Amino acid sequence: MPGTETRQVVEIGYGGSERLVMNMGPQHPSAHGVFRAVLTLEGETVVALDAVIGYLHRCHEKLGETLTYVQYPSIASKTDYVAAMTSELAYVSAVEQLGKVEVPRRAQYLRVIAAELQRIASHCLWLGTWCMDIGGALGGGATVFLYCIR
């Protein structure tokens, strides 16, 4: 991502009362909410955090340079693996406007219904994984997660 500064090396000198700067992450790119945190610690207390984002960049612009209008929707769908049609719908709508293509009203309704159903599924998955993150398997998070993915 342009403008995203990434620090590679952090200081490790720690003598008890000094501050320790350490990396946490980045986690695996397929995990939700991937970022790297540069933590500043005094003992076991976090006194500062520098969040480094941009690890899910998927090079859509570069891939789109070599594809035709018909080939690109398969790339656009990889933006959100749960609600893939919403990204495709945004791209296809833009291409249809550029080409002055008239879409039948029934098709427009069906597109919106499918996109909204995928959006609901995406939000349910987010809620379930969020509850797992804050509640864990023993704190009730697993119960909410299982209800959300039903």
C-alpha atoms as a PDB file:
ATOM      1  CA  MET A   1       0.000   0.000   0.000  1.00  0.00           C
ATOM      2  CA  PRO A   2       1.387   3.409  -0.822  1.00  0.00           C
ATOM      3  CA  GLY A   3       2.300   5.411   2.242  1.00  0.00           C
ATOM      4  CA  THR A   4       2.371   2.396   4.567  1.00  0.00           C
ATOM      5  CA  GLU A   5       5.580   2.460   6.561  1.00  0.00           C
ATOM      6  CA  THR A   6       6.865  -0.935   7.665  1.00  0.00           C
ATOM      7  CA  ARG A   7       9.585  -1.206  10.282  1.00  0.00           C
ATOM      8  CA  GLN A   8      11.676  -4.367  10.045  1.00  0.00           C
ATOM      9  CA  VAL A   9      13.932  -4.131  13.118  1.00  0.00           C
ATOM     10  CA  VAL A  10      12.954  -3.180  16.653  1.00  0.00           C
ATOM     11  CA  GLU A  11      15.145  -2.510  19.674  1.00  0.00           C
ATOM     12  CA  ILE A  12      15.443  -5.289  22.244  1.00  0.00           C
ATOM     13  CA  GLY A  13      17.499  -3.666  25.031  1.00  0.00           C
ATOM     14  CA  TYR A  14      15.662  -4.319  28.311  1.00  0.00           C
ATOM     15  CA  GLY A  15      17.177  -3.808  31.740  1.00  0.00           C
ATOM     16  CA  GLY A  16      14.180  -3.915  34.066  1.00  0.00           C
ATOM     17  CA  SER A  17      12.928  -0.334  34.216  1.00  0.00           C
ATOM     18  CA  GLU A  18      13.587   0.430  30.555  1.00  0.00           C
ATOM     19  CA  ARG A  19      11.051   0.193  27.796  1.00  0.00           C
ATOM     20  CA  LEU A  20      10.956  -2.880  25.579  1.00  0.00           C
ATOM     21  CA  VAL A  21       9.796  -2.535  21.974  1.00  0.00           C
ATOM     22  CA  MET A  22       8.654  -5.783  20.393  1.00  0.00           C
ATOM     23  CA  ASN A  23       6.681  -7.101  17.432  1.00  0.00           C
ATOM     24  CA  MET A  24       3.423  -8.978  17.693  1.00  0.00           C
ATOM     25  CA  GLY A  25       2.390 -10.463  14.368  1.00  0.00           C
ATOM     26  CA  PRO A  26       1.641 -10.316  11.585  1.00  0.00           C
ATOM     27  CA  GLN A  27      -0.537 -13.351  11.840  1.00  0.00           C
ATOM     28  CA  HIS A  28      -1.247 -15.673   8.928  1.00  0.00           C
ATOM     29  CA  PRO A  29      -2.720 -13.770   5.914  1.00  0.00           C
ATOM     30  CA  SER A  30      -5.808 -16.000   5.819  1.00  0.00           C
ATOM     31  CA  ALA A  31      -6.753 -15.060   9.392  1.00  0.00           C
ATOM     32  CA  HIS A  32      -9.344 -12.344   9.928  1.00  0.00           C
ATOM     33  CA  GLY A  33      -8.148  -8.899  10.938  1.00  0.00           C
ATOM     34  CA  VAL A  34      -4.493  -9.324  10.006  1.00  0.00           C
ATOM     35  CA  PHE A  35      -2.134  -6.579  11.152  1.00  0.00           C
ATOM     36  CA  ARG A  36       1.200  -6.210  12.909  1.00  0.00           C
ATOM     37  CA  ALA A  37       1.419  -4.510  16.280  1.00  0.00           C
ATOM     38  CA  VAL A  38       4.668  -2.909  17.443  1.00  0.00           C
ATOM     39  CA  LEU A  39       4.285  -2.855  21.228  1.00  0.00           C
ATOM     40  CA  THR A  40       6.170  -0.674  23.697  1.00  0.00           C
ATOM     41  CA  LEU A  41       6.246  -2.330  27.112  1.00  0.00           C
ATOM     42  CA  GLU A  42       7.261  -1.240  30.595  1.00  0.00           C
ATOM     43  CA  GLY A  43       7.494  -4.520  32.433  1.00  0.00           C
ATOM     44  CA  GLU A  44       4.242  -6.270  31.531  1.00  0.00           C
ATOM     45  CA  THR A  45       2.305  -3.069  30.848  1.00  0.00           C
ATOM     46  CA  VAL A  46       1.717  -1.930  27.265  1.00  0.00           C
ATOM     47  CA  VAL A  47       2.421   1.804  27.162  1.00  0.00           C
ATOM     48  CA  ALA A  48       2.253   2.321  23.385  1.00  0.00           C
ATOM     49  CA  LEU A  49       1.092   0.462  20.311  1.00  0.00           C
ATOM     50  CA  ASP A  50       1.877   1.153  16.660  1.00  0.00           C
ATOM     51  CA  ALA A  51      -0.528  -0.731  14.370  1.00  0.00           C
ATOM     52  CA  VAL A  52       0.887  -1.583  10.929  1.00  0.00           C
ATOM     53  CA  ILE A  53      -1.852  -2.454   8.449  1.00  0.00           C
ATOM     54  CA  GLY A  54      -1.914  -3.408   4.780  1.00  0.00           C
ATOM     55  CA  TYR A  55      -1.008  -7.091   4.877  1.00  0.00           C
ATOM     56  CA  LEU A  56      -4.049  -8.185   2.869  1.00  0.00           C
ATOM     57  CA  HIS A  57      -3.139  -6.256  -0.280  1.00  0.00           C
ATOM     58  CA  ARG A  58      -4.072  -8.554  -3.175  1.00  0.00           C
ATOM     59  CA  CYS A  59      -2.716  -6.632  -6.215  1.00  0.00           C
ATOM     60  CA  HIS A  60      -6.129  -6.196  -7.853  1.00  0.00           C
ATOM     61  CA  GLU A  61      -4.963  -3.259  -9.956  1.00  0.00           C
ATOM     62  CA  LYS A  62      -1.947  -5.107 -11.335  1.00  0.00           C
ATOM     63  CA  LEU A  63      -3.954  -8.261 -12.073  1.00  0.00           C
ATOM     64  CA  GLY A  64      -6.643  -6.186 -13.778  1.00  0.00           C
ATOM     65  CA  GLU A  65      -4.131  -4.719 -16.243  1.00  0.00           C
ATOM     66  CA  THR A  66      -3.868  -8.004 -18.144  1.00  0.00           C
ATOM     67  CA  LEU A  67      -7.482  -9.218 -17.947  1.00  0.00           C
ATOM     68  CA  THR A  68     -10.506  -8.440 -20.078  1.00  0.00           C
ATOM     69  CA  TYR A  69     -13.746  -7.055 -18.645  1.00  0.00           C
ATOM     70  CA  VAL A  70     -15.204 -10.568 -18.620  1.00  0.00           C
ATOM     71  CA  GLN A  71     -12.244 -12.180 -16.824  1.00  0.00           C
ATOM     72  CA  TYR A  72     -11.902  -9.734 -13.929  1.00  0.00           C
ATOM     73  CA  PRO A  73     -14.974 -10.630 -11.783  1.00  0.00           C
ATOM     74  CA  SER A  74     -13.252 -13.838 -10.657  1.00  0.00           C
ATOM     75  CA  ILE A  75     -10.466 -11.659  -9.200  1.00  0.00           C
ATOM     76  CA  ALA A  76     -12.890  -9.160  -7.632  1.00  0.00           C
ATOM     77  CA  SER A  77     -14.650 -11.953  -5.750  1.00  0.00           C
ATOM     78  CA  LYS A  78     -11.497 -12.659  -3.732  1.00  0.00           C
ATOM     79  CA  THR A  79     -11.851  -9.404  -1.773  1.00  0.00           C
ATOM     80  CA  ASP A  80     -14.387 -10.938   0.631  1.00  0.00           C
ATOM     81  CA  TYR A  81     -14.563 -14.719   0.664  1.00  0.00           C
ATOM     82  CA  VAL A  82     -17.980 -14.799   2.385  1.00  0.00           C
ATOM     83  CA  ALA A  83     -19.782 -12.067   0.428  1.00  0.00           C
ATOM     84  CA  ALA A  84     -17.960 -12.497  -2.871  1.00  0.00           C
ATOM     85  CA  MET A  85     -20.861 -11.345  -5.023  1.00  0.00           C
ATOM     86  CA  THR A  86     -20.869  -7.844  -3.533  1.00  0.00           C
ATOM     87  CA  SER A  87     -17.426  -7.077  -4.978  1.00  0.00           C
ATOM     88  CA  GLU A  88     -18.374  -8.632  -8.298  1.00  0.00           C
ATOM     89  CA  LEU A  89     -21.622  -6.645  -8.352  1.00  0.00           C
ATOM     90  CA  ALA A  90     -19.787  -3.362  -7.801  1.00  0.00           C
ATOM     91  CA  TYR A  91     -17.366  -4.113 -10.653  1.00  0.00           C
ATOM     92  CA  VAL A  92     -20.028  -5.403 -13.054  1.00  0.00           C
ATOM     93  CA  SER A  93     -22.258  -2.382 -12.347  1.00  0.00           C
ATOM     94  CA  ALA A  94     -19.381  -0.040 -13.212  1.00  0.00           C
ATOM     95  CA  VAL A  95     -18.636  -1.924 -16.447  1.00  0.00           C
ATOM     96  CA  GLU A  96     -22.329  -1.864 -17.386  1.00  0.00           C
ATOM     97  CA  GLN A  97     -22.458   1.894 -16.850  1.00  0.00           C
ATOM     98  CA  LEU A  98     -19.332   2.363 -18.986  1.00  0.00           C
ATOM     99  CA  GLY A  99     -20.834   0.236 -21.746  1.00  0.00           C
ATOM    100  CA  LYS A 100     -24.287   1.820 -21.367  1.00  0.00           C
ATOM    101  CA  VAL A 101     -25.827  -1.628 -20.832  1.00  0.00           C
ATOM    102  CA  GLU A 102     -29.472  -1.642 -19.715  1.00  0.00           C
ATOM    103  CA  VAL A 103     -30.011  -4.270 -16.997  1.00  0.00           C
ATOM    104  CA  PRO A 104     -33.581  -5.617 -16.640  1.00  0.00           C
ATOM    105  CA  ARG A 105     -35.344  -4.607 -13.427  1.00  0.00           C
ATOM    106  CA  ARG A 106     -35.860  -8.246 -12.392  1.00  0.00           C
ATOM    107  CA  ALA A 107     -32.113  -8.906 -12.683  1.00  0.00           C
ATOM    108  CA  GLN A 108     -31.401  -5.830 -10.572  1.00  0.00           C
ATOM    109  CA  TYR A 109     -33.739  -7.104  -7.847  1.00  0.00           C
ATOM    110  CA  LEU A 110     -32.202 -10.581  -7.903  1.00  0.00           C
ATOM    111  CA  ARG A 111     -28.698  -9.112  -7.670  1.00  0.00           C
ATOM    112  CA  VAL A 112     -29.618  -7.003  -4.648  1.00  0.00           C
ATOM    113  CA  ILE A 113     -31.325  -9.934  -2.894  1.00  0.00           C
ATOM    114  CA  ALA A 114     -28.313 -12.213  -3.425  1.00  0.00           C
ATOM    115  CA  ALA A 115     -25.863  -9.508  -2.329  1.00  0.00           C
ATOM    116  CA  GLU A 116     -27.872  -8.768   0.826  1.00  0.00           C
ATOM    117  CA  LEU A 117     -28.069 -12.458   1.754  1.00  0.00           C
ATOM    118  CA  GLN A 118     -24.290 -12.697   1.389  1.00  0.00           C
ATOM    119  CA  ARG A 119     -23.854  -9.533   3.460  1.00  0.00           C
ATOM    120  CA  ILE A 120     -25.950 -11.070   6.256  1.00  0.00           C
ATOM    121  CA  ALA A 121     -23.835 -14.245   6.121  1.00  0.00           C
ATOM    122  CA  SER A 122     -20.653 -12.165   6.239  1.00  0.00           C
ATOM    123  CA  HIS A 123     -21.882 -10.225   9.273  1.00  0.00           C
ATOM    124  CA  CYS A 124     -22.898 -13.457  11.036  1.00  0.00           C
ATOM    125  CA  LEU A 125     -19.433 -14.914  10.443  1.00  0.00           C
ATOM    126  CA  TRP A 126     -17.845 -11.712  11.760  1.00  0.00           C
ATOM    127  CA  LEU A 127     -19.986 -11.825  14.901  1.00  0.00           C
ATOM    128  CA  GLY A 128     -19.184 -15.486  15.498  1.00  0.00           C
ATOM    129  CA  THR A 129     -15.418 -15.090  15.082  1.00  0.00           C
ATOM    130  CA  TRP A 130     -15.453 -11.921  17.188  1.00  0.00           C
ATOM    131  CA  CYS A 131     -17.210 -13.789  20.001  1.00  0.00           C
ATOM    132  CA  MET A 132     -14.639 -16.567  19.727  1.00  0.00           C
ATOM    133  CA  ASP A 133     -11.869 -13.968  19.981  1.00  0.00           C
ATOM    134  CA  ILE A 134     -13.269 -12.270  23.092  1.00  0.00           C
ATOM    135  CA  GLY A 135     -14.930 -15.244  24.768  1.00  0.00           C
ATOM    136  CA  GLY A 136     -12.901 -18.207  23.680  1.00  0.00           C
ATOM    137  CA  ALA A 137     -14.177 -21.756  23.604  1.00  0.00           C
ATOM    138  CA  LEU A 138     -14.766 -21.896  27.356  1.00  0.00           C
ATOM    139  CA  GLY A 139     -16.214 -18.405  27.852  1.00  0.00           C
ATOM    140  CA  GLY A 140     -19.274 -18.871  25.666  1.00  0.00           C
ATOM    141  CA  GLY A 141     -17.712 -17.638  22.431  1.00  0.00           C
ATOM    142  CA  ALA A 142     -17.984 -21.044  20.787  1.00  0.00           C
ATOM    143  CA  THR A 143     -21.733 -21.181  21.406  1.00  0.00           C
ATOM    144  CA  VAL A 144     -22.332 -17.872  19.645  1.00  0.00           C
ATOM    145  CA  PHE A 145     -19.982 -18.897  16.826  1.00  0.00           C
ATOM    146  CA  LEU A 146     -21.903 -22.128  16.237  1.00  0.00           C
ATOM    147  CA  TYR A 147     -25.232 -20.256  16.196  1.00  0.00           C
ATOM    148  CA  CYS A 148     -23.805 -17.729  13.726  1.00  0.00           C
ATOM    149  CA  ILE A 149     -22.563 -20.294  11.202  1.00  0.00           C
ATOM    150  CA  ARG A 150     -25.790 -22.323  11.207  1.00  0.00           C
END
